[in-house]
């Protein structure tokens, strides 16, 4: 199962700004769908209406809007030069498919978004922060495998 995520929108030297969205391919029917960064609902396929993988990029300008959801949010604080970050990226893509409609994965490049990095105290990367209703409910520093991340996510989905 492959997942295509493409960011669309204006880009500046400080990262993404303005209204952003990504393109997600529906795992059920293969239709390409635009998934907005900021949405309090749950993305679903325009064709088959199944939940879509919810993986978006956000920055200092739109992080609050990206976190404004009733769903569990997994924030990936990363940098492109970070080897462990690049190892975690495909795991997070798979988790966004596995938890379609349940977990929103928000990627934040710490090099371009220093306020977001400071807000979540990302002194080492990758740092994964899980939030619900804007409150931090779990935090993981360092690269973790898929099984370890699933073990941390599952209990958070049960406790709403």
C-alpha atoms as a PDB file:
ATOM      1  CA  UNK A   1       0.000   0.000   0.000  1.00  0.00           C
ATOM      2  CA  UNK A   2       1.561   3.273  -1.039  1.00  0.00           C
ATOM      3  CA  UNK A   3       0.499   6.699   0.125  1.00  0.00           C
ATOM      4  CA  UNK A   4       1.060   9.827  -1.898  1.00  0.00           C
ATOM      5  CA  UNK A   5       1.164  13.078   0.028  1.00  0.00           C
ATOM      6  CA  UNK A   6       1.913  16.238  -1.907  1.00  0.00           C
ATOM      7  CA  UNK A   7       1.875  19.692  -0.302  1.00  0.00           C
ATOM      8  CA  UNK A   8       0.089  22.404  -2.251  1.00  0.00           C
ATOM      9  CA  UNK A   9       0.278  26.115  -1.471  1.00  0.00           C
ATOM     10  CA  UNK A  10       2.520  29.106  -1.040  1.00  0.00           C
ATOM     11  CA  UNK A  11       5.990  28.529   0.354  1.00  0.00           C
ATOM     12  CA  UNK A  12       8.342  31.074   1.850  1.00  0.00           C
ATOM     13  CA  UNK A  13      11.854  30.849   3.241  1.00  0.00           C
ATOM     14  CA  UNK A  14      10.370  30.431   6.728  1.00  0.00           C
ATOM     15  CA  UNK A  15       8.228  27.450   5.722  1.00  0.00           C
ATOM     16  CA  UNK A  16       4.675  27.049   4.553  1.00  0.00           C
ATOM     17  CA  UNK A  17       2.148  29.816   5.042  1.00  0.00           C
ATOM     18  CA  UNK A  18      -1.425  30.464   4.159  1.00  0.00           C
ATOM     19  CA  UNK A  19      -4.051  27.873   3.398  1.00  0.00           C
ATOM     20  CA  UNK A  20      -2.309  24.581   2.699  1.00  0.00           C
ATOM     21  CA  UNK A  21      -3.520  21.204   1.667  1.00  0.00           C
ATOM     22  CA  UNK A  22      -2.053  17.901   0.591  1.00  0.00           C
ATOM     23  CA  UNK A  23      -3.150  15.261  -1.848  1.00  0.00           C
ATOM     24  CA  UNK A  24      -3.926  11.859  -0.352  1.00  0.00           C
ATOM     25  CA  UNK A  25      -4.665   8.756  -2.384  1.00  0.00           C
ATOM     26  CA  UNK A  26      -7.636   6.837  -0.985  1.00  0.00           C
ATOM     27  CA  UNK A  27      -6.473   3.398   0.201  1.00  0.00           C
ATOM     28  CA  UNK A  28      -9.909   1.959  -0.664  1.00  0.00           C
ATOM     29  CA  UNK A  29     -10.484   3.144  -4.245  1.00  0.00           C
ATOM     30  CA  UNK A  30      -7.304   4.959  -5.347  1.00  0.00           C
ATOM     31  CA  UNK A  31      -8.949   8.363  -5.892  1.00  0.00           C
ATOM     32  CA  UNK A  32      -6.743  11.404  -5.282  1.00  0.00           C
ATOM     33  CA  UNK A  33      -8.261  13.776  -2.715  1.00  0.00           C
ATOM     34  CA  UNK A  34      -7.260  17.183  -1.398  1.00  0.00           C
ATOM     35  CA  UNK A  35      -6.820  17.117   2.390  1.00  0.00           C
ATOM     36  CA  UNK A  36      -6.644  20.525   4.119  1.00  0.00           C
ATOM     37  CA  UNK A  37      -4.162  21.272   6.901  1.00  0.00           C
ATOM     38  CA  UNK A  38      -6.850  22.980   8.964  1.00  0.00           C
ATOM     39  CA  UNK A  39     -10.017  20.983   9.402  1.00  0.00           C
ATOM     40  CA  UNK A  40     -11.875  20.055  12.554  1.00  0.00           C
ATOM     41  CA  UNK A  41     -13.735  17.252  10.810  1.00  0.00           C
ATOM     42  CA  UNK A  42     -12.463  14.007   9.376  1.00  0.00           C
ATOM     43  CA  UNK A  43     -11.300  13.776   5.753  1.00  0.00           C
ATOM     44  CA  UNK A  44     -13.097  11.267   3.596  1.00  0.00           C
ATOM     45  CA  UNK A  45     -12.793  10.208  -0.016  1.00  0.00           C
ATOM     46  CA  UNK A  46     -14.905  12.172  -2.472  1.00  0.00           C
ATOM     47  CA  UNK A  47     -15.656   8.969  -4.408  1.00  0.00           C
ATOM     48  CA  UNK A  48     -16.174   6.137  -1.939  1.00  0.00           C
ATOM     49  CA  UNK A  49     -16.594   8.199   1.278  1.00  0.00           C
ATOM     50  CA  UNK A  50     -14.112   6.077   3.234  1.00  0.00           C
ATOM     51  CA  UNK A  51     -11.810   7.809   5.769  1.00  0.00           C
ATOM     52  CA  UNK A  52      -8.597   9.165   4.242  1.00  0.00           C
ATOM     53  CA  UNK A  53      -5.082   9.089   5.649  1.00  0.00           C
ATOM     54  CA  UNK A  54      -4.636  12.423   7.436  1.00  0.00           C
ATOM     55  CA  UNK A  55      -1.008  13.461   7.037  1.00  0.00           C
ATOM     56  CA  UNK A  56      -0.293  17.148   6.517  1.00  0.00           C
ATOM     57  CA  UNK A  57       2.554  19.643   6.821  1.00  0.00           C
ATOM     58  CA  UNK A  58       2.078  22.675   9.045  1.00  0.00           C
ATOM     59  CA  UNK A  59       4.216  25.541  10.270  1.00  0.00           C
ATOM     60  CA  UNK A  60       4.273  28.416  12.705  1.00  0.00           C
ATOM     61  CA  UNK A  61       1.536  30.261  10.810  1.00  0.00           C
ATOM     62  CA  UNK A  62      -1.011  27.452  10.636  1.00  0.00           C
ATOM     63  CA  UNK A  63      -0.129  24.991  13.405  1.00  0.00           C
ATOM     64  CA  UNK A  64      -2.926  26.119  15.734  1.00  0.00           C
ATOM     65  CA  UNK A  65      -5.460  25.618  12.956  1.00  0.00           C
ATOM     66  CA  UNK A  66      -3.984  22.182  12.160  1.00  0.00           C
ATOM     67  CA  UNK A  67      -4.305  21.132  15.817  1.00  0.00           C
ATOM     68  CA  UNK A  68      -7.922  22.321  16.059  1.00  0.00           C
ATOM     69  CA  UNK A  69      -9.624  18.930  15.869  1.00  0.00           C
ATOM     70  CA  UNK A  70     -11.380  16.495  18.195  1.00  0.00           C
ATOM     71  CA  UNK A  71      -9.169  13.668  16.945  1.00  0.00           C
ATOM     72  CA  UNK A  72      -5.834  12.526  18.321  1.00  0.00           C
ATOM     73  CA  UNK A  73      -3.022  14.505  16.661  1.00  0.00           C
ATOM     74  CA  UNK A  74       0.505  13.143  16.274  1.00  0.00           C
ATOM     75  CA  UNK A  75       2.939  16.012  15.668  1.00  0.00           C
ATOM     76  CA  UNK A  76       6.232  15.030  14.032  1.00  0.00           C
ATOM     77  CA  UNK A  77       8.913  17.637  14.789  1.00  0.00           C
ATOM     78  CA  UNK A  78      11.611  16.815  12.249  1.00  0.00           C
ATOM     79  CA  UNK A  79      14.294  18.178   9.898  1.00  0.00           C
ATOM     80  CA  UNK A  80      15.313  16.995   6.423  1.00  0.00           C
ATOM     81  CA  UNK A  81      18.992  16.558   7.423  1.00  0.00           C
ATOM     82  CA  UNK A  82      18.096  14.271  10.363  1.00  0.00           C
ATOM     83  CA  UNK A  83      18.727  10.595   9.558  1.00  0.00           C
ATOM     84  CA  UNK A  84      16.419   9.182  12.250  1.00  0.00           C
ATOM     85  CA  UNK A  85      13.689  11.610  11.106  1.00  0.00           C
ATOM     86  CA  UNK A  86      13.857  10.221   7.578  1.00  0.00           C
ATOM     87  CA  UNK A  87      13.612   6.680   8.993  1.00  0.00           C
ATOM     88  CA  UNK A  88      10.466   7.591  10.968  1.00  0.00           C
ATOM     89  CA  UNK A  89       8.745   9.310   8.007  1.00  0.00           C
ATOM     90  CA  UNK A  90       7.562   6.126   6.203  1.00  0.00           C
ATOM     91  CA  UNK A  91       6.374   4.688   9.529  1.00  0.00           C
ATOM     92  CA  UNK A  92       4.227   7.781  10.086  1.00  0.00           C
ATOM     93  CA  UNK A  93       2.836   7.469   6.549  1.00  0.00           C
ATOM     94  CA  UNK A  94       1.825   3.869   7.241  1.00  0.00           C
ATOM     95  CA  UNK A  95       0.277   4.874  10.577  1.00  0.00           C
ATOM     96  CA  UNK A  96      -1.737   7.616   8.854  1.00  0.00           C
ATOM     97  CA  UNK A  97      -3.225   4.902   6.625  1.00  0.00           C
ATOM     98  CA  UNK A  98      -3.752   2.468   9.498  1.00  0.00           C
ATOM     99  CA  UNK A  99      -5.502   5.106  11.621  1.00  0.00           C
ATOM    100  CA  UNK A 100      -7.416   6.843   8.815  1.00  0.00           C
ATOM    101  CA  UNK A 101     -10.184   8.913  10.356  1.00  0.00           C
ATOM    102  CA  UNK A 102      -8.794   8.437  13.882  1.00  0.00           C
ATOM    103  CA  UNK A 103      -5.355  10.088  13.994  1.00  0.00           C
ATOM    104  CA  UNK A 104      -4.129  13.245  12.282  1.00  0.00           C
ATOM    105  CA  UNK A 105      -0.375  13.303  11.591  1.00  0.00           C
ATOM    106  CA  UNK A 106       1.068  16.824  11.389  1.00  0.00           C
ATOM    107  CA  UNK A 107       4.667  17.200  10.188  1.00  0.00           C
ATOM    108  CA  UNK A 108       6.544  20.337  11.319  1.00  0.00           C
ATOM    109  CA  UNK A 109      10.009  21.120   9.935  1.00  0.00           C
ATOM    110  CA  UNK A 110      11.846  22.563  12.957  1.00  0.00           C
ATOM    111  CA  UNK A 111      14.393  24.387  10.780  1.00  0.00           C
ATOM    112  CA  UNK A 112      11.646  26.485   9.189  1.00  0.00           C
ATOM    113  CA  UNK A 113       9.345  26.791  12.208  1.00  0.00           C
ATOM    114  CA  UNK A 114      11.260  27.825  15.334  1.00  0.00           C
ATOM    115  CA  UNK A 115       8.157  28.920  17.288  1.00  0.00           C
ATOM    116  CA  UNK A 116       6.527  25.515  16.862  1.00  0.00           C
ATOM    117  CA  UNK A 117       9.791  23.822  17.803  1.00  0.00           C
ATOM    118  CA  UNK A 118      10.068  25.918  20.978  1.00  0.00           C
ATOM    119  CA  UNK A 119       6.382  25.465  21.789  1.00  0.00           C
ATOM    120  CA  UNK A 120       6.845  21.699  22.020  1.00  0.00           C
ATOM    121  CA  UNK A 121      10.377  21.897  23.453  1.00  0.00           C
ATOM    122  CA  UNK A 122      11.960  19.960  20.587  1.00  0.00           C
ATOM    123  CA  UNK A 123      15.551  19.918  21.801  1.00  0.00           C
ATOM    124  CA  UNK A 124      16.244  16.633  20.055  1.00  0.00           C
ATOM    125  CA  UNK A 125      14.657  15.282  16.891  1.00  0.00           C
ATOM    126  CA  UNK A 126      12.657  13.454  15.920  1.00  0.00           C
ATOM    127  CA  UNK A 127      10.234  14.472  18.645  1.00  0.00           C
ATOM    128  CA  UNK A 128       6.717  13.091  18.380  1.00  0.00           C
ATOM    129  CA  UNK A 129       4.056  14.850  20.427  1.00  0.00           C
ATOM    130  CA  UNK A 130       0.504  13.552  20.705  1.00  0.00           C
ATOM    131  CA  UNK A 131      -2.243  16.010  21.545  1.00  0.00           C
ATOM    132  CA  UNK A 132      -5.968  15.932  22.062  1.00  0.00           C
ATOM    133  CA  UNK A 133      -7.965  19.188  22.187  1.00  0.00           C
ATOM    134  CA  UNK A 134      -4.646  21.070  22.211  1.00  0.00           C
ATOM    135  CA  UNK A 135      -3.334  19.345  25.344  1.00  0.00           C
ATOM    136  CA  UNK A 136      -0.232  17.148  25.200  1.00  0.00           C
ATOM    137  CA  UNK A 137      -1.151  13.547  26.089  1.00  0.00           C
ATOM    138  CA  UNK A 138       2.129  11.806  25.172  1.00  0.00           C
ATOM    139  CA  UNK A 139       5.633  12.636  23.980  1.00  0.00           C
ATOM    140  CA  UNK A 140       8.301  10.471  22.344  1.00  0.00           C
ATOM    141  CA  UNK A 141      11.865  11.636  21.712  1.00  0.00           C
ATOM    142  CA  UNK A 142      13.953   9.675  19.232  1.00  0.00           C
ATOM    143  CA  UNK A 143      13.181   7.293  16.410  1.00  0.00           C
ATOM    144  CA  UNK A 144      10.782   4.483  17.274  1.00  0.00           C
ATOM    145  CA  UNK A 145       9.607   1.545  15.216  1.00  0.00           C
ATOM    146  CA  UNK A 146       6.040   1.047  14.072  1.00  0.00           C
ATOM    147  CA  UNK A 147       5.173  -1.487  16.801  1.00  0.00           C
ATOM    148  CA  UNK A 148       6.395   0.870  19.546  1.00  0.00           C
ATOM    149  CA  UNK A 149       4.363   3.768  18.136  1.00  0.00           C
ATOM    150  CA  UNK A 150       1.242   1.606  17.803  1.00  0.00           C
ATOM    151  CA  UNK A 151       1.661   0.589  21.455  1.00  0.00           C
ATOM    152  CA  UNK A 152       1.650   4.289  22.437  1.00  0.00           C
ATOM    153  CA  UNK A 153      -1.228   5.309  20.115  1.00  0.00           C
ATOM    154  CA  UNK A 154      -3.698   2.489  20.840  1.00  0.00           C
ATOM    155  CA  UNK A 155      -4.353   3.370  24.515  1.00  0.00           C
ATOM    156  CA  UNK A 156      -4.866   7.025  23.551  1.00  0.00           C
ATOM    157  CA  UNK A 157      -7.607   6.056  21.085  1.00  0.00           C
ATOM    158  CA  UNK A 158      -9.506   4.196  23.799  1.00  0.00           C
ATOM    159  CA  UNK A 159      -9.405   7.095  26.291  1.00  0.00           C
ATOM    160  CA  UNK A 160     -11.290   9.997  24.807  1.00  0.00           C
END
